[in-house]
Amino acid sequence: GAATPNEAGLVAGYWMVLAYLLHTTGELCLSPVGLSAVTKLAVPSVVGVMMGAWFLATAYSEFVAAQLAKMAAIETVDGAVTDIGAALASYTALFSGLLYVGLAVALVLLLISTL
């Protein structure tokens, strides 16, 4: 979306809809499978602890999301962004960096999984 802004520097709203659809679909696929795997693979005496660790990991991911939201904060005046071009550039840099970090972590995990 950041590659195709209009002349005012705004991006089409369907990108947000597609992002929500992607995230919701991922959550609906990951959560039940993860919870089931935790209950089936954990030793019966520690299932409760493992479920707690699963939800603790979810809580930590929310903390990381809050820190990323702080990084993405843009200065506004009366609730309006003063420089749309700078906001677009800032968001593009942040999310491009997150993409590259995610790809690097995925590559490292792929390399160590084949060992």
PDB file of N, CA and C in Angstrom:
ATOM      1  N   GLY A   1       0.798  -1.187   0.000  1.00  0.00           N
ATOM      2  CA  GLY A   1       0.000   0.000   0.000  1.00  0.00           C
ATOM      3  C   GLY A   1       0.845   1.256   0.000  1.00  0.00           C
ATOM      4  N   ALA A   2       1.952   1.240   0.719  1.00  0.00           N
ATOM      5  CA  ALA A   2       2.787   2.438   0.806  1.00  0.00           C
ATOM      6  C   ALA A   2       3.466   2.746  -0.525  1.00  0.00           C
ATOM      7  N   ALA A   3       3.529   1.788  -1.405  1.00  0.00           N
ATOM      8  CA  ALA A   3       4.143   2.014  -2.708  1.00  0.00           C
ATOM      9  C   ALA A   3       3.197   2.702  -3.684  1.00  0.00           C
ATOM     10  N   THR A   4       1.897   2.771  -3.345  1.00  0.00           N
ATOM     11  CA  THR A   4       0.924   3.341  -4.279  1.00  0.00           C
ATOM     12  C   THR A   4       0.023   4.388  -3.619  1.00  0.00           C
ATOM     13  N   PRO A   5       0.594   5.431  -3.012  1.00  0.00           N
ATOM     14  CA  PRO A   5      -0.275   6.474  -2.443  1.00  0.00           C
ATOM     15  C   PRO A   5      -0.838   7.356  -3.549  1.00  0.00           C
ATOM     16  N   ASN A   6      -1.946   8.049  -3.248  1.00  0.00           N
ATOM     17  CA  ASN A   6      -2.502   8.975  -4.232  1.00  0.00           C
ATOM     18  C   ASN A   6      -1.742  10.301  -4.174  1.00  0.00           C
ATOM     19  N   GLU A   7      -2.196  11.284  -4.910  1.00  0.00           N
ATOM     20  CA  GLU A   7      -1.486  12.567  -4.968  1.00  0.00           C
ATOM     21  C   GLU A   7      -1.472  13.300  -3.623  1.00  0.00           C
ATOM     22  N   ALA A   8      -2.399  12.989  -2.737  1.00  0.00           N
ATOM     23  CA  ALA A   8      -2.430  13.607  -1.408  1.00  0.00           C
ATOM     24  C   ALA A   8      -1.565  12.830  -0.412  1.00  0.00           C
ATOM     25  N   GLY A   9      -0.980  11.707  -0.836  1.00  0.00           N
ATOM     26  CA  GLY A   9      -0.155  10.896   0.046  1.00  0.00           C
ATOM     27  C   GLY A   9      -0.927   9.862   0.830  1.00  0.00           C
ATOM     28  N   LEU A  10      -2.217   9.698   0.522  1.00  0.00           N
ATOM     29  CA  LEU A  10      -3.048   8.738   1.238  1.00  0.00           C
ATOM     30  C   LEU A  10      -3.063   7.397   0.508  1.00  0.00           C
ATOM     31  N   VAL A  11      -3.274   6.343   1.262  1.00  0.00           N
ATOM     32  CA  VAL A  11      -3.302   4.991   0.716  1.00  0.00           C
ATOM     33  C   VAL A  11      -4.746   4.490   0.775  1.00  0.00           C
ATOM     34  N   ALA A  12      -5.126   3.659  -0.178  1.00  0.00           N
ATOM     35  CA  ALA A  12      -6.489   3.135  -0.238  1.00  0.00           C
ATOM     36  C   ALA A  12      -6.828   2.342   1.018  1.00  0.00           C
ATOM     37  N   GLY A  13      -8.079   2.442   1.459  1.00  0.00           N
ATOM     38  CA  GLY A  13      -8.532   1.791   2.679  1.00  0.00           C
ATOM     39  C   GLY A  13      -8.613   0.277   2.593  1.00  0.00           C
ATOM     40  N   TYR A  14      -8.670  -0.262   1.378  1.00  0.00           N
ATOM     41  CA  TYR A  14      -8.791  -1.717   1.277  1.00  0.00           C
ATOM     42  C   TYR A  14      -7.535  -2.420   1.794  1.00  0.00           C
ATOM     43  N   TRP A  15      -6.402  -1.730   1.876  1.00  0.00           N
ATOM     44  CA  TRP A  15      -5.198  -2.336   2.453  1.00  0.00           C
ATOM     45  C   TRP A  15      -5.423  -2.669   3.919  1.00  0.00           C
ATOM     46  N   MET A  16      -6.126  -1.791   4.632  1.00  0.00           N
ATOM     47  CA  MET A  16      -6.413  -2.047   6.034  1.00  0.00           C
ATOM     48  C   MET A  16      -7.373  -3.234   6.169  1.00  0.00           C
ATOM     49  N   VAL A  17      -8.355  -3.293   5.300  1.00  0.00           N
ATOM     50  CA  VAL A  17      -9.308  -4.406   5.333  1.00  0.00           C
ATOM     51  C   VAL A  17      -8.574  -5.719   5.057  1.00  0.00           C
ATOM     52  N   LEU A  18      -7.674  -5.715   4.071  1.00  0.00           N
ATOM     53  CA  LEU A  18      -6.918  -6.928   3.769  1.00  0.00           C
ATOM     54  C   LEU A  18      -6.001  -7.323   4.927  1.00  0.00           C
ATOM     55  N   ALA A  19      -5.416  -6.339   5.603  1.00  0.00           N
ATOM     56  CA  ALA A  19      -4.555  -6.643   6.752  1.00  0.00           C
ATOM     57  C   ALA A  19      -5.375  -7.272   7.876  1.00  0.00           C
ATOM     58  N   TYR A  20      -6.544  -6.701   8.168  1.00  0.00           N
ATOM     59  CA  TYR A  20      -7.403  -7.287   9.205  1.00  0.00           C
ATOM     60  C   TYR A  20      -7.839  -8.700   8.823  1.00  0.00           C
ATOM     61  N   LEU A  21      -8.170  -8.903   7.563  1.00  0.00           N
ATOM     62  CA  LEU A  21      -8.576 -10.234   7.105  1.00  0.00           C
ATOM     63  C   LEU A  21      -7.432 -11.228   7.278  1.00  0.00           C
ATOM     64  N   LEU A  22      -6.231 -10.827   6.917  1.00  0.00           N
ATOM     65  CA  LEU A  22      -5.074 -11.700   7.061  1.00  0.00           C
ATOM     66  C   LEU A  22      -4.803 -12.029   8.527  1.00  0.00           C
ATOM     67  N   HIS A  23      -4.824 -11.021   9.381  1.00  0.00           N
ATOM     68  CA  HIS A  23      -4.540 -11.248  10.798  1.00  0.00           C
ATOM     69  C   HIS A  23      -5.620 -12.090  11.469  1.00  0.00           C
ATOM     70  N   THR A  24      -6.872 -11.826  11.136  1.00  0.00           N
ATOM     71  CA  THR A  24      -7.963 -12.598  11.727  1.00  0.00           C
ATOM     72  C   THR A  24      -7.911 -14.048  11.278  1.00  0.00           C
ATOM     73  N   THR A  25      -7.651 -14.274  10.007  1.00  0.00           N
ATOM     74  CA  THR A  25      -7.543 -15.637   9.492  1.00  0.00           C
ATOM     75  C   THR A  25      -6.376 -16.372  10.164  1.00  0.00           C
ATOM     76  N   GLY A  26      -5.248 -15.680  10.310  1.00  0.00           N
ATOM     77  CA  GLY A  26      -4.104 -16.286  10.985  1.00  0.00           C
ATOM     78  C   GLY A  26      -4.415 -16.639  12.421  1.00  0.00           C
ATOM     79  N   GLU A  27      -5.101 -15.742  13.128  1.00  0.00           N
ATOM     80  CA  GLU A  27      -5.460 -16.009  14.526  1.00  0.00           C
ATOM     81  C   GLU A  27      -6.422 -17.189  14.622  1.00  0.00           C
ATOM     82  N   LEU A  28      -7.382 -17.255  13.727  1.00  0.00           N
ATOM     83  CA  LEU A  28      -8.344 -18.361  13.761  1.00  0.00           C
ATOM     84  C   LEU A  28      -7.689 -19.701  13.430  1.00  0.00           C
ATOM     85  N   CYS A  29      -6.620 -19.673  12.651  1.00  0.00           N
ATOM     86  CA  CYS A  29      -5.909 -20.914  12.321  1.00  0.00           C
ATOM     87  C   CYS A  29      -4.905 -21.300  13.398  1.00  0.00           C
ATOM     88  N   LEU A  30      -4.233 -20.318  13.981  1.00  0.00           N
ATOM     89  CA  LEU A  30      -3.144 -20.611  14.911  1.00  0.00           C
ATOM     90  C   LEU A  30      -3.625 -20.948  16.313  1.00  0.00           C
ATOM     91  N   SER A  31      -4.573 -20.203  16.821  1.00  0.00           N
ATOM     92  CA  SER A  31      -4.962 -20.362  18.219  1.00  0.00           C
ATOM     93  C   SER A  31      -5.498 -21.758  18.542  1.00  0.00           C
ATOM     94  N   PRO A  32      -6.467 -22.288  17.821  1.00  0.00           N
ATOM     95  CA  PRO A  32      -6.963 -23.628  18.179  1.00  0.00           C
ATOM     96  C   PRO A  32      -5.907 -24.719  18.025  1.00  0.00           C
ATOM     97  N   VAL A  33      -5.089 -24.597  16.987  1.00  0.00           N
ATOM     98  CA  VAL A  33      -4.049 -25.600  16.765  1.00  0.00           C
ATOM     99  C   VAL A  33      -3.016 -25.536  17.880  1.00  0.00           C
ATOM    100  N   GLY A  34      -2.618 -24.325  18.269  1.00  0.00           N
ATOM    101  CA  GLY A  34      -1.640 -24.174  19.345  1.00  0.00           C
ATOM    102  C   GLY A  34      -2.165 -24.671  20.672  1.00  0.00           C
ATOM    103  N   LEU A  35      -3.392 -24.318  21.001  1.00  0.00           N
ATOM    104  CA  LEU A  35      -3.975 -24.789  22.262  1.00  0.00           C
ATOM    105  C   LEU A  35      -4.111 -26.302  22.285  1.00  0.00           C
ATOM    106  N   SER A  36      -4.509 -26.875  21.167  1.00  0.00           N
ATOM    107  CA  SER A  36      -4.630 -28.326  21.091  1.00  0.00           C
ATOM    108  C   SER A  36      -3.261 -28.994  21.220  1.00  0.00           C
ATOM    109  N   ALA A  37      -2.269 -28.440  20.557  1.00  0.00           N
ATOM    110  CA  ALA A  37      -0.925 -29.020  20.628  1.00  0.00           C
ATOM    111  C   ALA A  37      -0.374 -28.946  22.050  1.00  0.00           C
ATOM    112  N   VAL A  38      -0.627 -27.834  22.735  1.00  0.00           N
ATOM    113  CA  VAL A  38      -0.139 -27.704  24.105  1.00  0.00           C
ATOM    114  C   VAL A  38      -0.775 -28.759  24.991  1.00  0.00           C
ATOM    115  N   THR A  39      -2.068 -28.965  24.881  1.00  0.00           N
ATOM    116  CA  THR A  39      -2.734 -29.932  25.751  1.00  0.00           C
ATOM    117  C   THR A  39      -2.369 -31.370  25.397  1.00  0.00           C
ATOM    118  N   LYS A  40      -2.132 -31.655  24.118  1.00  0.00           N
ATOM    119  CA  LYS A  40      -1.826 -33.030  23.716  1.00  0.00           C
ATOM    120  C   LYS A  40      -0.362 -33.399  23.931  1.00  0.00           C
ATOM    121  N   LEU A  41       0.552 -32.445  23.769  1.00  0.00           N
ATOM    122  CA  LEU A  41       1.972 -32.767  23.813  1.00  0.00           C
ATOM    123  C   LEU A  41       2.600 -32.596  25.189  1.00  0.00           C
ATOM    124  N   ALA A  42       1.937 -31.848  26.071  1.00  0.00           N
ATOM    125  CA  ALA A  42       2.505 -31.626  27.401  1.00  0.00           C
ATOM    126  C   ALA A  42       2.305 -32.858  28.272  1.00  0.00           C
ATOM    127  N   VAL A  43       3.240 -33.057  29.186  1.00  0.00           N
ATOM    128  CA  VAL A  43       3.109 -34.115  30.177  1.00  0.00           C
ATOM    129  C   VAL A  43       1.870 -33.805  31.007  1.00  0.00           C
ATOM    130  N   PRO A  44       1.015 -34.791  31.296  1.00  0.00           N
ATOM    131  CA  PRO A  44      -0.253 -34.506  31.993  1.00  0.00           C
ATOM    132  C   PRO A  44      -0.113 -33.728  33.296  1.00  0.00           C
ATOM    133  N   SER A  45       0.975 -33.905  33.990  1.00  0.00           N
ATOM    134  CA  SER A  45       1.121 -33.198  35.278  1.00  0.00           C
ATOM    135  C   SER A  45       1.431 -31.712  35.122  1.00  0.00           C
ATOM    136  N   VAL A  46       1.828 -31.270  33.930  1.00  0.00           N
ATOM    137  CA  VAL A  46       2.178 -29.858  33.735  1.00  0.00           C
ATOM    138  C   VAL A  46       1.353 -29.180  32.642  1.00  0.00           C
ATOM    139  N   VAL A  47       0.225 -29.749  32.303  1.00  0.00           N
ATOM    140  CA  VAL A  47      -0.611 -29.150  31.250  1.00  0.00           C
ATOM    141  C   VAL A  47      -1.035 -27.739  31.641  1.00  0.00           C
ATOM    142  N   GLY A  48      -1.403 -27.558  32.896  1.00  0.00           N
ATOM    143  CA  GLY A  48      -1.819 -26.228  33.348  1.00  0.00           C
ATOM    144  C   GLY A  48      -0.708 -25.201  33.231  1.00  0.00           C
ATOM    145  N   VAL A  49       0.506 -25.603  33.568  1.00  0.00           N
ATOM    146  CA  VAL A  49       1.655 -24.698  33.458  1.00  0.00           C
ATOM    147  C   VAL A  49       1.926 -24.369  31.996  1.00  0.00           C
ATOM    148  N   MET A  50       1.826 -25.359  31.138  1.00  0.00           N
ATOM    149  CA  MET A  50       2.062 -25.128  29.714  1.00  0.00           C
ATOM    150  C   MET A  50       0.994 -24.220  29.108  1.00  0.00           C
ATOM    151  N   MET A  51      -0.263 -24.397  29.533  1.00  0.00           N
ATOM    152  CA  MET A  51      -1.320 -23.497  29.060  1.00  0.00           C
ATOM    153  C   MET A  51      -1.048 -22.079  29.548  1.00  0.00           C
ATOM    154  N   GLY A  52      -0.573 -21.950  30.789  1.00  0.00           N
ATOM    155  CA  GLY A  52      -0.209 -20.639  31.309  1.00  0.00           C
ATOM    156  C   GLY A  52       0.923 -20.021  30.512  1.00  0.00           C
ATOM    157  N   ALA A  53       1.902 -20.836  30.113  1.00  0.00           N
ATOM    158  CA  ALA A  53       3.009 -20.335  29.296  1.00  0.00           C
ATOM    159  C   ALA A  53       2.512 -19.888  27.928  1.00  0.00           C
ATOM    160  N   TRP A  54       1.549 -20.616  27.371  1.00  0.00           N
ATOM    161  CA  TRP A  54       0.961 -20.224  26.078  1.00  0.00           C
ATOM    162  C   TRP A  54       0.323 -18.839  26.192  1.00  0.00           C
ATOM    163  N   PHE A  55      -0.473 -18.638  27.228  1.00  0.00           N
ATOM    164  CA  PHE A  55      -1.139 -17.351  27.387  1.00  0.00           C
ATOM    165  C   PHE A  55      -0.168 -16.264  27.815  1.00  0.00           C
ATOM    166  N   LEU A  56       0.895 -16.626  28.526  1.00  0.00           N
ATOM    167  CA  LEU A  56       1.936 -15.654  28.862  1.00  0.00           C
ATOM    168  C   LEU A  56       2.648 -15.180  27.590  1.00  0.00           C
ATOM    169  N   ALA A  57       2.887 -16.083  26.670  1.00  0.00           N
ATOM    170  CA  ALA A  57       3.488 -15.705  25.391  1.00  0.00           C
ATOM    171  C   ALA A  57       2.559 -14.765  24.619  1.00  0.00           C
ATOM    172  N   THR A  58       1.255 -15.016  24.694  1.00  0.00           N
ATOM    173  CA  THR A  58       0.290 -14.121  24.060  1.00  0.00           C
ATOM    174  C   THR A  58       0.339 -12.741  24.704  1.00  0.00           C
ATOM    175  N   ALA A  59       0.426 -12.696  26.020  1.00  0.00           N
ATOM    176  CA  ALA A  59       0.513 -11.413  26.718  1.00  0.00           C
ATOM    177  C   ALA A  59       1.794 -10.676  26.346  1.00  0.00           C
ATOM    178  N   TYR A  60       2.893 -11.398  26.232  1.00  0.00           N
ATOM    179  CA  TYR A  60       4.147 -10.755  25.847  1.00  0.00           C
ATOM    180  C   TYR A  60       4.058 -10.202  24.428  1.00  0.00           C
ATOM    181  N   SER A  61       3.383 -10.910  23.547  1.00  0.00           N
ATOM    182  CA  SER A  61       3.236 -10.400  22.178  1.00  0.00           C
ATOM    183  C   SER A  61       2.417  -9.115  22.160  1.00  0.00           C
ATOM    184  N   GLU A  62       1.458  -9.001  23.055  1.00  0.00           N
ATOM    185  CA  GLU A  62       0.699  -7.749  23.160  1.00  0.00           C
ATOM    186  C   GLU A  62       1.588  -6.610  23.664  1.00  0.00           C
ATOM    187  N   PHE A  63       2.520  -6.909  24.579  1.00  0.00           N
ATOM    188  CA  PHE A  63       3.470  -5.911  25.049  1.00  0.00           C
ATOM    189  C   PHE A  63       4.359  -5.433  23.900  1.00  0.00           C
ATOM    190  N   VAL A  64       4.843  -6.380  23.099  1.00  0.00           N
ATOM    191  CA  VAL A  64       5.672  -6.022  21.949  1.00  0.00           C
ATOM    192  C   VAL A  64       4.863  -5.184  20.960  1.00  0.00           C
ATOM    193  N   ALA A  65       3.600  -5.521  20.754  1.00  0.00           N
ATOM    194  CA  ALA A  65       2.740  -4.739  19.864  1.00  0.00           C
ATOM    195  C   ALA A  65       2.579  -3.313  20.376  1.00  0.00           C
ATOM    196  N   ALA A  66       2.472  -3.137  21.683  1.00  0.00           N
ATOM    197  CA  ALA A  66       2.360  -1.790  22.248  1.00  0.00           C
ATOM    198  C   ALA A  66       3.639  -0.993  22.022  1.00  0.00           C
ATOM    199  N   GLN A  67       4.790  -1.654  22.139  1.00  0.00           N
ATOM    200  CA  GLN A  67       6.058  -0.964  21.892  1.00  0.00           C
ATOM    201  C   GLN A  67       6.184  -0.569  20.420  1.00  0.00           C
ATOM    202  N   LEU A  68       5.726  -1.426  19.522  1.00  0.00           N
ATOM    203  CA  LEU A  68       5.743  -1.088  18.098  1.00  0.00           C
ATOM    204  C   LEU A  68       4.786   0.057  17.799  1.00  0.00           C
ATOM    205  N   ALA A  69       3.655   0.090  18.481  1.00  0.00           N
ATOM    206  CA  ALA A  69       2.713   1.199  18.291  1.00  0.00           C
ATOM    207  C   ALA A  69       3.328   2.509  18.752  1.00  0.00           C
ATOM    208  N   LYS A  70       4.112   2.469  19.822  1.00  0.00           N
ATOM    209  CA  LYS A  70       4.805   3.679  20.266  1.00  0.00           C
ATOM    210  C   LYS A  70       5.823   4.132  19.225  1.00  0.00           C
ATOM    211  N   MET A  71       6.496   3.179  18.604  1.00  0.00           N
ATOM    212  CA  MET A  71       7.469   3.525  17.560  1.00  0.00           C
ATOM    213  C   MET A  71       6.783   4.124  16.341  1.00  0.00           C
ATOM    214  N   ALA A  72       5.556   3.706  16.084  1.00  0.00           N
ATOM    215  CA  ALA A  72       4.832   4.167  14.904  1.00  0.00           C
ATOM    216  C   ALA A  72       4.072   5.462  15.144  1.00  0.00           C
ATOM    217  N   ALA A  73       4.137   6.004  16.348  1.00  0.00           N
ATOM    218  CA  ALA A  73       3.370   7.210  16.677  1.00  0.00           C
ATOM    219  C   ALA A  73       3.818   8.382  15.804  1.00  0.00           C
ATOM    220  N   ILE A  74       2.849   9.118  15.310  1.00  0.00           N
ATOM    221  CA  ILE A  74       3.077  10.284  14.463  1.00  0.00           C
ATOM    222  C   ILE A  74       2.507  11.507  15.167  1.00  0.00           C
ATOM    223  N   GLU A  75       3.210  12.618  15.063  1.00  0.00           N
ATOM    224  CA  GLU A  75       2.735  13.851  15.688  1.00  0.00           C
ATOM    225  C   GLU A  75       1.467  14.359  14.984  1.00  0.00           C
ATOM    226  N   THR A  76       0.474  14.692  15.794  1.00  0.00           N
ATOM    227  CA  THR A  76      -0.775  15.220  15.255  1.00  0.00           C
ATOM    228  C   THR A  76      -1.104  16.557  15.916  1.00  0.00           C
ATOM    229  N   VAL A  77      -1.889  17.342  15.202  1.00  0.00           N
ATOM    230  CA  VAL A  77      -2.400  18.595  15.735  1.00  0.00           C
ATOM    231  C   VAL A  77      -3.918  18.511  15.677  1.00  0.00           C
ATOM    232  N   ASP A  78      -4.569  18.528  16.821  1.00  0.00           N
ATOM    233  CA  ASP A  78      -6.026  18.386  16.924  1.00  0.00           C
ATOM    234  C   ASP A  78      -6.525  17.106  16.264  1.00  0.00           C
ATOM    235  N   GLY A  79      -5.732  16.029  16.375  1.00  0.00           N
ATOM    236  CA  GLY A  79      -6.137  14.733  15.845  1.00  0.00           C
ATOM    237  C   GLY A  79      -5.865  14.543  14.369  1.00  0.00           C
ATOM    238  N   ALA A  80      -5.254  15.520  13.715  1.00  0.00           N
ATOM    239  CA  ALA A  80      -4.964  15.411  12.285  1.00  0.00           C
ATOM    240  C   ALA A  80      -3.448  15.358  12.086  1.00  0.00           C
ATOM    241  N   VAL A  81      -3.020  14.524  11.159  1.00  0.00           N
ATOM    242  CA  VAL A  81      -1.600  14.412  10.840  1.00  0.00           C
ATOM    243  C   VAL A  81      -1.175  15.666  10.083  1.00  0.00           C
ATOM    244  N   THR A  82      -0.083  16.277  10.526  1.00  0.00           N
ATOM    245  CA  THR A  82       0.353  17.530   9.900  1.00  0.00           C
ATOM    246  C   THR A  82       1.069  17.305   8.583  1.00  0.00           C
ATOM    247  N   ASP A  83       1.878  16.256   8.471  1.00  0.00           N
ATOM    248  CA  ASP A  83       2.615  15.981   7.241  1.00  0.00           C
ATOM    249  C   ASP A  83       2.371  14.537   6.828  1.00  0.00           C
ATOM    250  N   ILE A  84       1.472  14.349   5.889  1.00  0.00           N
ATOM    251  CA  ILE A  84       1.081  13.007   5.462  1.00  0.00           C
ATOM    252  C   ILE A  84       2.244  12.291   4.792  1.00  0.00           C
ATOM    253  N   GLY A  85       3.037  13.018   4.017  1.00  0.00           N
ATOM    254  CA  GLY A  85       4.182  12.399   3.346  1.00  0.00           C
ATOM    255  C   GLY A  85       5.196  11.853   4.345  1.00  0.00           C
ATOM    256  N   ALA A  86       5.476  12.625   5.396  1.00  0.00           N
ATOM    257  CA  ALA A  86       6.409  12.162   6.425  1.00  0.00           C
ATOM    258  C   ALA A  86       5.836  10.968   7.177  1.00  0.00           C
ATOM    259  N   ALA A  87       4.534  10.986   7.430  1.00  0.00           N
ATOM    260  CA  ALA A  87       3.893   9.847   8.105  1.00  0.00           C
ATOM    261  C   ALA A  87       3.997   8.593   7.250  1.00  0.00           C
ATOM    262  N   LEU A  88       3.745   8.735   5.953  1.00  0.00           N
ATOM    263  CA  LEU A  88       3.837   7.593   5.050  1.00  0.00           C
ATOM    264  C   LEU A  88       5.260   7.057   5.014  1.00  0.00           C
ATOM    265  N   ALA A  89       6.232   7.944   4.958  1.00  0.00           N
ATOM    266  CA  ALA A  89       7.634   7.510   4.933  1.00  0.00           C
ATOM    267  C   ALA A  89       8.012   6.824   6.242  1.00  0.00           C
ATOM    268  N   SER A  90       7.531   7.351   7.357  1.00  0.00           N
ATOM    269  CA  SER A  90       7.832   6.755   8.659  1.00  0.00           C
ATOM    270  C   SER A  90       7.226   5.361   8.781  1.00  0.00           C
ATOM    271  N   TYR A  91       5.968   5.226   8.397  1.00  0.00           N
ATOM    272  CA  TYR A  91       5.313   3.920   8.454  1.00  0.00           C
ATOM    273  C   TYR A  91       5.978   2.924   7.507  1.00  0.00           C
ATOM    274  N   THR A  92       6.335   3.392   6.316  1.00  0.00           N
ATOM    275  CA  THR A  92       6.982   2.508   5.346  1.00  0.00           C
ATOM    276  C   THR A  92       8.314   2.010   5.886  1.00  0.00           C
ATOM    277  N   ALA A  93       9.091   2.894   6.489  1.00  0.00           N
ATOM    278  CA  ALA A  93      10.380   2.487   7.055  1.00  0.00           C
ATOM    279  C   ALA A  93      10.189   1.490   8.198  1.00  0.00           C
ATOM    280  N   LEU A  94       9.236   1.768   9.089  1.00  0.00           N
ATOM    281  CA  LEU A  94       9.006   0.878  10.227  1.00  0.00           C
ATOM    282  C   LEU A  94       8.576  -0.509   9.765  1.00  0.00           C
ATOM    283  N   PHE A  95       7.583  -0.575   8.902  1.00  0.00           N
ATOM    284  CA  PHE A  95       7.064  -1.876   8.510  1.00  0.00           C
ATOM    285  C   PHE A  95       7.989  -2.608   7.547  1.00  0.00           C
ATOM    286  N   SER A  96       8.778  -1.882   6.767  1.00  0.00           N
ATOM    287  CA  SER A  96       9.800  -2.545   5.950  1.00  0.00           C
ATOM    288  C   SER A  96      10.861  -3.165   6.843  1.00  0.00           C
ATOM    289  N   GLY A  97      11.249  -2.440   7.886  1.00  0.00           N
ATOM    290  CA  GLY A  97      12.211  -2.988   8.842  1.00  0.00           C
ATOM    291  C   GLY A  97      11.676  -4.227   9.528  1.00  0.00           C
ATOM    292  N   LEU A  98      10.397  -4.190   9.919  1.00  0.00           N
ATOM    293  CA  LEU A  98       9.783  -5.373  10.534  1.00  0.00           C
ATOM    294  C   LEU A  98       9.742  -6.548   9.564  1.00  0.00           C
ATOM    295  N   LEU A  99       9.503  -6.265   8.294  1.00  0.00           N
ATOM    296  CA  LEU A  99       9.506  -7.324   7.283  1.00  0.00           C
ATOM    297  C   LEU A  99      10.872  -7.980   7.206  1.00  0.00           C
ATOM    298  N   TYR A 100      11.918  -7.168   7.147  1.00  0.00           N
ATOM    299  CA  TYR A 100      13.264  -7.720   7.026  1.00  0.00           C
ATOM    300  C   TYR A 100      13.687  -8.473   8.283  1.00  0.00           C
ATOM    301  N   VAL A 101      13.298  -7.990   9.444  1.00  0.00           N
ATOM    302  CA  VAL A 101      13.592  -8.711  10.683  1.00  0.00           C
ATOM    303  C   VAL A 101      12.869 -10.061  10.679  1.00  0.00           C
ATOM    304  N   GLY A 102      11.614 -10.069  10.276  1.00  0.00           N
ATOM    305  CA  GLY A 102      10.858 -11.319  10.209  1.00  0.00           C
ATOM    306  C   GLY A 102      11.447 -12.304   9.217  1.00  0.00           C
ATOM    307  N   LEU A 103      11.873 -11.807   8.060  1.00  0.00           N
ATOM    308  CA  LEU A 103      12.492 -12.690   7.078  1.00  0.00           C
ATOM    309  C   LEU A 103      13.820 -13.238   7.590  1.00  0.00           C
ATOM    310  N   ALA A 104      14.596 -12.415   8.279  1.00  0.00           N
ATOM    311  CA  ALA A 104      15.871 -12.874   8.821  1.00  0.00           C
ATOM    312  C   ALA A 104      15.653 -13.946   9.890  1.00  0.00           C
ATOM    313  N   VAL A 105      14.690 -13.732  10.768  1.00  0.00           N
ATOM    314  CA  VAL A 105      14.391 -14.732  11.804  1.00  0.00           C
ATOM    315  C   VAL A 105      13.895 -16.023  11.156  1.00  0.00           C
ATOM    316  N   ALA A 106      13.057 -15.903  10.145  1.00  0.00           N
ATOM    317  CA  ALA A 106      12.564 -17.092   9.446  1.00  0.00           C
ATOM    318  C   ALA A 106      13.709 -17.856   8.795  1.00  0.00           C
ATOM    319  N   LEU A 107      14.658 -17.144   8.218  1.00  0.00           N
ATOM    320  CA  LEU A 107      15.806 -17.799   7.588  1.00  0.00           C
ATOM    321  C   LEU A 107      16.666 -18.517   8.625  1.00  0.00           C
ATOM    322  N   VAL A 108      16.912 -17.868   9.752  1.00  0.00           N
ATOM    323  CA  VAL A 108      17.695 -18.506  10.819  1.00  0.00           C
ATOM    324  C   VAL A 108      16.982 -19.762  11.322  1.00  0.00           C
ATOM    325  N   LEU A 109      15.672 -19.666  11.550  1.00  0.00           N
ATOM    326  CA  LEU A 109      14.924 -20.848  12.008  1.00  0.00           C
ATOM    327  C   LEU A 109      14.936 -21.956  10.974  1.00  0.00           C
ATOM    328  N   LEU A 110      14.859 -21.582   9.692  1.00  0.00           N
ATOM    329  CA  LEU A 110      14.916 -22.588   8.642  1.00  0.00           C
ATOM    330  C   LEU A 110      16.273 -23.271   8.629  1.00  0.00           C
ATOM    331  N   LEU A 111      17.336 -22.503   8.798  1.00  0.00           N
ATOM    332  CA  LEU A 111      18.673 -23.081   8.786  1.00  0.00           C
ATOM    333  C   LEU A 111      18.914 -24.003   9.975  1.00  0.00           C
ATOM    334  N   ILE A 112      18.455 -23.605  11.161  1.00  0.00           N
ATOM    335  CA  ILE A 112      18.711 -24.453  12.326  1.00  0.00           C
ATOM    336  C   ILE A 112      17.745 -25.637  12.383  1.00  0.00           C
ATOM    337  N   SER A 113      16.641 -25.581  11.674  1.00  0.00           N
ATOM    338  CA  SER A 113      15.719 -26.720  11.680  1.00  0.00           C
ATOM    339  C   SER A 113      16.228 -27.872  10.825  1.00  0.00           C
ATOM    340  N   THR A 114      17.104 -27.583   9.899  1.00  0.00           N
ATOM    341  CA  THR A 114      17.621 -28.652   9.034  1.00  0.00           C
ATOM    342  C   THR A 114      18.833 -29.357   9.640  1.00  0.00           C
ATOM    343  N   LEU A 115      19.312 -28.840  10.766  1.00  0.00           N
ATOM    344  CA  LEU A 115      20.484 -29.468  11.400  1.00  0.00           C
ATOM    345  C   LEU A 115      20.157 -30.737  12.103  1.00  0.00           C
TER     346      LEU A 115
END
